[in-house]
C-alpha atoms as a PDB file:
ATOM      1  CA  MET A   1     -47.162 -22.529  -1.597  1.00  0.00           C
ATOM      2  CA  ARG A   2     -50.709 -20.847  -1.951  1.00  0.00           C
ATOM      3  CA  ASP A   3     -50.215 -19.405   1.474  1.00  0.00           C
ATOM      4  CA  LEU A   4     -47.159 -17.707   0.635  1.00  0.00           C
ATOM      5  CA  LEU A   5     -47.896 -16.277  -2.789  1.00  0.00           C
ATOM      6  CA  GLY A   6     -51.727 -16.269  -2.945  1.00  0.00           C
ATOM      7  CA  ASP A   7     -52.146 -12.043  -3.305  1.00  0.00           C
ATOM      8  CA  VAL A   8     -48.874 -11.724  -5.253  1.00  0.00           C
ATOM      9  CA  PHE A   9     -51.353 -11.127  -8.422  1.00  0.00           C
ATOM     10  CA  ALA A  10     -53.926  -8.965  -6.703  1.00  0.00           C
ATOM     11  CA  PRO A  11     -54.625  -5.842  -8.086  1.00  0.00           C
ATOM     12  CA  THR A  12     -52.293  -3.044  -6.574  1.00  0.00           C
ATOM     13  CA  ARG A  13     -51.196  -0.147  -8.282  1.00  0.00           C
ATOM     14  CA  TYR A  14     -47.837  -1.540  -8.953  1.00  0.00           C
ATOM     15  CA  ASN A  15     -49.212  -4.689 -10.977  1.00  0.00           C
ATOM     16  CA  VAL A  16     -51.718  -2.744 -12.824  1.00  0.00           C
ATOM     17  CA  ALA A  17     -49.017  -0.159 -13.891  1.00  0.00           C
ATOM     18  CA  ALA A  18     -46.885  -3.172 -14.892  1.00  0.00           C
ATOM     19  CA  ALA A  19     -49.419  -4.806 -16.942  1.00  0.00           C
ATOM     20  CA  VAL A  20     -50.735  -1.838 -18.453  1.00  0.00           C
ATOM     21  CA  ALA A  21     -46.949  -0.930 -19.422  1.00  0.00           C
ATOM     22  CA  VAL A  22     -46.492  -3.966 -20.864  1.00  0.00           C
ATOM     23  CA  ALA A  23     -49.811  -4.083 -23.051  1.00  0.00           C
ATOM     24  CA  GLY A  24     -48.978  -0.786 -24.363  1.00  0.00           C
ATOM     25  CA  LEU A  25     -45.618  -1.544 -25.482  1.00  0.00           C
ATOM     26  CA  LEU A  26     -46.985  -4.902 -27.269  1.00  0.00           C
ATOM     27  CA  LEU A  27     -49.384  -2.728 -28.498  1.00  0.00           C
ATOM     28  CA  VAL A  28     -46.806  -0.212 -29.935  1.00  0.00           C
ATOM     29  CA  ALA A  29     -44.489  -2.898 -30.922  1.00  0.00           C
ATOM     30  CA  TYR A  30     -46.939  -5.085 -33.019  1.00  0.00           C
ATOM     31  CA  VAL A  31     -49.677  -3.123 -34.304  1.00  0.00           C
ATOM     32  CA  LEU A  32     -48.891   0.279 -34.550  1.00  0.00           C
ATOM     33  CA  VAL A  33     -45.004   0.220 -35.196  1.00  0.00           C
ATOM     34  CA  PRO A  34     -43.954  -3.424 -36.699  1.00  0.00           C
ATOM     35  CA  HIS A  35     -40.389  -3.516 -37.197  1.00  0.00           C
ATOM     36  CA  PRO A  36     -38.087  -5.979 -35.639  1.00  0.00           C
ATOM     37  CA  TYR A  37     -36.136  -3.495 -33.881  1.00  0.00           C
ATOM     38  CA  VAL A  38     -38.808  -1.808 -32.542  1.00  0.00           C
ATOM     39  CA  GLN A  39     -40.092  -5.295 -31.276  1.00  0.00           C
ATOM     40  CA  TYR A  40     -36.611  -5.988 -29.910  1.00  0.00           C
ATOM     41  CA  GLY A  41     -36.408  -2.791 -28.062  1.00  0.00           C
ATOM     42  CA  ALA A  42     -39.912  -3.484 -26.730  1.00  0.00           C
ATOM     43  CA  TRP A  43     -39.319  -6.961 -25.094  1.00  0.00           C
ATOM     44  CA  LEU A  44     -35.960  -5.449 -23.710  1.00  0.00           C
ATOM     45  CA  VAL A  45     -38.270  -2.804 -21.814  1.00  0.00           C
ATOM     46  CA  ILE A  46     -40.870  -5.483 -20.700  1.00  0.00           C
ATOM     47  CA  PHE A  47     -37.884  -7.367 -19.591  1.00  0.00           C
ATOM     48  CA  THR A  48     -36.676  -4.294 -17.419  1.00  0.00           C
ATOM     49  CA  VAL A  49     -40.151  -3.853 -16.254  1.00  0.00           C
ATOM     50  CA  TRP A  50     -41.087  -7.345 -15.026  1.00  0.00           C
ATOM     51  CA  MET A  51     -37.349  -7.421 -13.370  1.00  0.00           C
ATOM     52  CA  VAL A  52     -37.955  -4.368 -11.567  1.00  0.00           C
ATOM     53  CA  TRP A  53     -41.537  -5.726 -10.570  1.00  0.00           C
ATOM     54  CA  PHE A  54     -40.052  -9.097  -9.517  1.00  0.00           C
ATOM     55  CA  VAL A  55     -37.368  -7.377  -7.320  1.00  0.00           C
ATOM     56  CA  TYR A  56     -39.833  -4.876  -5.625  1.00  0.00           C
ATOM     57  CA  LEU A  57     -42.143  -7.821  -4.940  1.00  0.00           C
ATOM     58  CA  GLY A  58     -39.262 -10.032  -3.368  1.00  0.00           C
ATOM     59  CA  VAL A  59     -38.102  -6.697  -1.230  1.00  0.00           C
ATOM     60  CA  ASP A  60     -41.607  -6.208  -0.089  1.00  0.00           C
ATOM     61  CA  ARG A  61     -42.165  -9.824   0.541  1.00  0.00           C
ATOM     62  CA  ILE A  62     -39.217  -9.977   2.943  1.00  0.00           C
ATOM     63  CA  TYR A  63     -38.768  -6.703   4.565  1.00  0.00           C
ATOM     64  CA  GLY A  64     -42.836  -5.583   4.353  1.00  0.00           C
ATOM     65  CA  ILE A  65     -41.898  -2.502   2.940  1.00  0.00           C
ATOM     66  CA  ASP A  66     -45.563  -1.539   1.686  1.00  0.00           C
ATOM     67  CA  SER A  67     -47.250  -2.161   4.862  1.00  0.00           C
END
């Protein structure tokens, strides 16, 4: 399993972009504008970012689009 998923969390531009987007959304939702509606919206966007990252990673793993 480690051979299959060894480089999943390597600091590629997509992984770093997803992590920065999630961290920025959490910063806005919990520090700058701590309102329940903003927090709910932030988690919806974080879920969307995670799903896009997950699907892209799966397609790249199966078809090798990034190489």
